[in-house]
Amino acid sequence: QVQLVESGGGLVQAGGSLRLSCAASGITLSNYNMGWFRQAPGKEREFVTAIHRSGNTYYADSVKGRFTIFRDNDKNAVSLQMSSLKPEDTAVYYCAAAFGYGLGYGRNYDYWGQGTQVTVSS
């Protein structure tokens, strides 16, 4: 049984930092392309960032330069370092694993975590 479990969410002031982690069981994340998505209240889920098996990374314009995605293969995990956080970053953040491509679209992901709440106060 495949499980992705996010952790590290919480409440932070604007300008602060958080690191989210996504730990997996049942699959080896280094074999998958990994992504982070977020969903704010009343809004659709949106792409945040992804890392290909090759190590190539992709970022939404809204987070470019502030967020960094990276792998920790020893822990079978993927992390998201978020800096210079803004109130508009407030959302539930989800990690997801994709064996295929089209990493900007949620429909292309095979497995999802349950999400972790990030709240940025102004």
Protein backbone atom coordinates (compact mmCIF):
# COMPACT_ATOMS: atom_id res chain seq x y z
CA GLN A 1 0.00 0.00 0.00
CA VAL A 2 1.39 3.35 -1.07
CA GLN A 3 1.34 6.23 1.37
CA LEU A 4 2.63 9.77 1.10
CA VAL A 5 2.65 11.70 4.35
CA GLU A 6 3.32 15.42 4.49
CA SER A 7 4.62 17.17 7.57
CA GLY A 8 6.03 20.52 8.58
CA GLY A 9 3.07 22.78 8.05
CA GLY A 10 2.05 25.39 10.57
CA LEU A 11 1.53 29.06 11.28
CA VAL A 12 4.25 31.52 10.32
CA GLN A 13 4.50 35.28 9.98
CA ALA A 14 4.91 36.89 6.59
CA GLY A 15 8.55 36.86 5.61
CA GLY A 16 9.22 33.70 7.53
CA SER A 17 10.20 30.22 6.41
CA LEU A 18 8.88 26.69 6.63
CA ARG A 19 10.10 23.36 5.40
CA LEU A 20 7.58 20.76 4.34
CA SER A 21 8.49 17.12 4.02
CA CYS A 22 6.80 14.30 2.17
CA ALA A 23 7.74 10.81 3.30
CA ALA A 24 6.74 7.75 1.35
CA SER A 25 6.07 4.12 2.03
CA GLY A 26 5.25 1.47 -0.49
CA ILE A 27 7.13 3.21 -3.30
CA THR A 28 10.64 4.48 -3.87
CA LEU A 29 10.38 8.18 -4.54
CA SER A 30 13.61 8.34 -6.51
CA ASN A 31 11.80 6.35 -9.21
CA TYR A 32 9.07 8.97 -9.46
CA ASN A 33 8.67 12.53 -10.52
CA MET A 34 7.48 14.46 -7.49
CA GLY A 35 5.34 17.52 -7.19
CA TRP A 36 3.84 19.88 -4.65
CA PHE A 37 0.42 21.42 -5.12
CA ARG A 38 -1.61 23.70 -2.90
CA GLN A 39 -5.23 24.60 -2.44
CA ALA A 40 -6.41 27.74 -0.72
CA PRO A 41 -9.95 28.07 0.63
CA GLY A 42 -12.42 28.69 -2.17
CA LYS A 43 -9.79 28.21 -4.86
CA GLU A 44 -8.78 25.43 -7.16
CA ARG A 45 -5.75 23.30 -6.51
CA GLU A 46 -2.68 24.80 -8.14
CA PHE A 47 0.75 23.59 -9.10
CA VAL A 48 3.61 24.83 -6.94
CA THR A 49 6.73 22.94 -7.94
CA ALA A 50 8.00 19.61 -9.24
CA ILE A 51 11.23 17.69 -9.47
CA HIS A 52 11.89 15.22 -12.23
CA ARG A 53 13.70 11.94 -11.72
CA SER A 54 16.61 13.57 -13.54
CA GLY A 55 16.77 16.30 -10.92
CA ASN A 56 15.32 19.03 -13.11
CA THR A 57 13.04 21.31 -11.16
CA TYR A 58 10.05 23.41 -12.15
CA TYR A 59 8.35 26.22 -10.27
CA ALA A 60 5.20 28.23 -10.55
CA ASP A 61 5.99 31.89 -11.20
CA SER A 62 4.38 32.83 -7.91
CA VAL A 63 6.97 30.90 -5.89
CA LYS A 64 10.04 31.10 -8.09
CA GLY A 65 13.02 32.34 -6.13
CA ARG A 66 11.31 31.72 -2.80
CA PHE A 67 10.61 27.98 -2.77
CA THR A 68 13.00 25.10 -3.35
CA ILE A 69 12.12 21.46 -3.91
CA PHE A 70 14.69 18.78 -3.21
CA ARG A 71 14.98 15.09 -2.61
CA ASP A 72 16.30 13.19 0.36
CA ASN A 73 16.66 9.75 -1.13
CA ASP A 74 18.17 8.28 2.04
CA LYS A 75 14.89 9.05 3.78
CA ASN A 76 12.73 8.25 0.76
CA ALA A 77 11.38 11.76 1.03
CA VAL A 78 10.96 15.00 -0.86
CA SER A 79 11.03 18.37 0.83
CA LEU A 80 9.86 21.86 0.05
CA GLN A 81 11.79 24.74 1.56
CA MET A 82 9.63 27.85 1.60
CA SER A 83 11.11 31.26 2.33
CA SER A 84 9.88 34.84 2.22
CA LEU A 85 6.40 33.53 2.80
CA LYS A 86 3.44 35.72 1.96
CA PRO A 87 -0.16 35.62 3.19
CA GLU A 88 -1.19 34.47 -0.28
CA ASP A 89 0.87 31.31 0.25
CA THR A 90 -1.69 30.20 2.82
CA ALA A 91 -3.13 26.88 1.67
CA VAL A 92 -3.17 23.15 2.23
CA TYR A 93 -0.05 21.77 0.59
CA TYR A 94 -0.07 18.35 -1.02
CA CYS A 95 2.78 16.24 -2.30
CA ALA A 96 2.22 13.87 -5.16
CA ALA A 97 4.13 11.24 -7.13
CA ALA A 98 3.96 10.76 -10.88
CA PHE A 99 5.49 8.01 -12.92
CA GLY A 100 4.72 9.88 -16.12
CA TYR A 101 5.02 13.45 -17.29
CA GLY A 102 3.00 16.61 -17.50
CA LEU A 103 4.05 17.55 -14.00
CA GLY A 104 2.14 20.81 -13.93
CA TYR A 105 -1.18 19.02 -13.95
CA GLY A 106 -2.60 17.15 -11.00
CA ARG A 107 -4.34 14.62 -13.21
CA ASN A 108 -0.95 13.21 -14.20
CA TYR A 109 -0.02 12.20 -10.67
CA ASP A 110 -0.54 8.68 -9.41
CA TYR A 111 -0.32 9.09 -5.64
CA TRP A 112 -1.22 11.92 -3.27
CA GLY A 113 -0.64 12.75 0.34
CA GLN A 114 -3.35 13.96 2.69
CA GLY A 115 -2.03 17.52 2.84
CA THR A 116 -0.58 19.81 5.46
CA GLN A 117 -1.87 23.26 6.35
CA VAL A 118 0.35 26.30 5.91
CA THR A 119 -0.93 29.58 7.27
CA VAL A 120 0.97 32.82 6.76
CA SER A 121 -0.12 35.75 8.88
CA SER A 122 0.34 39.34 7.80
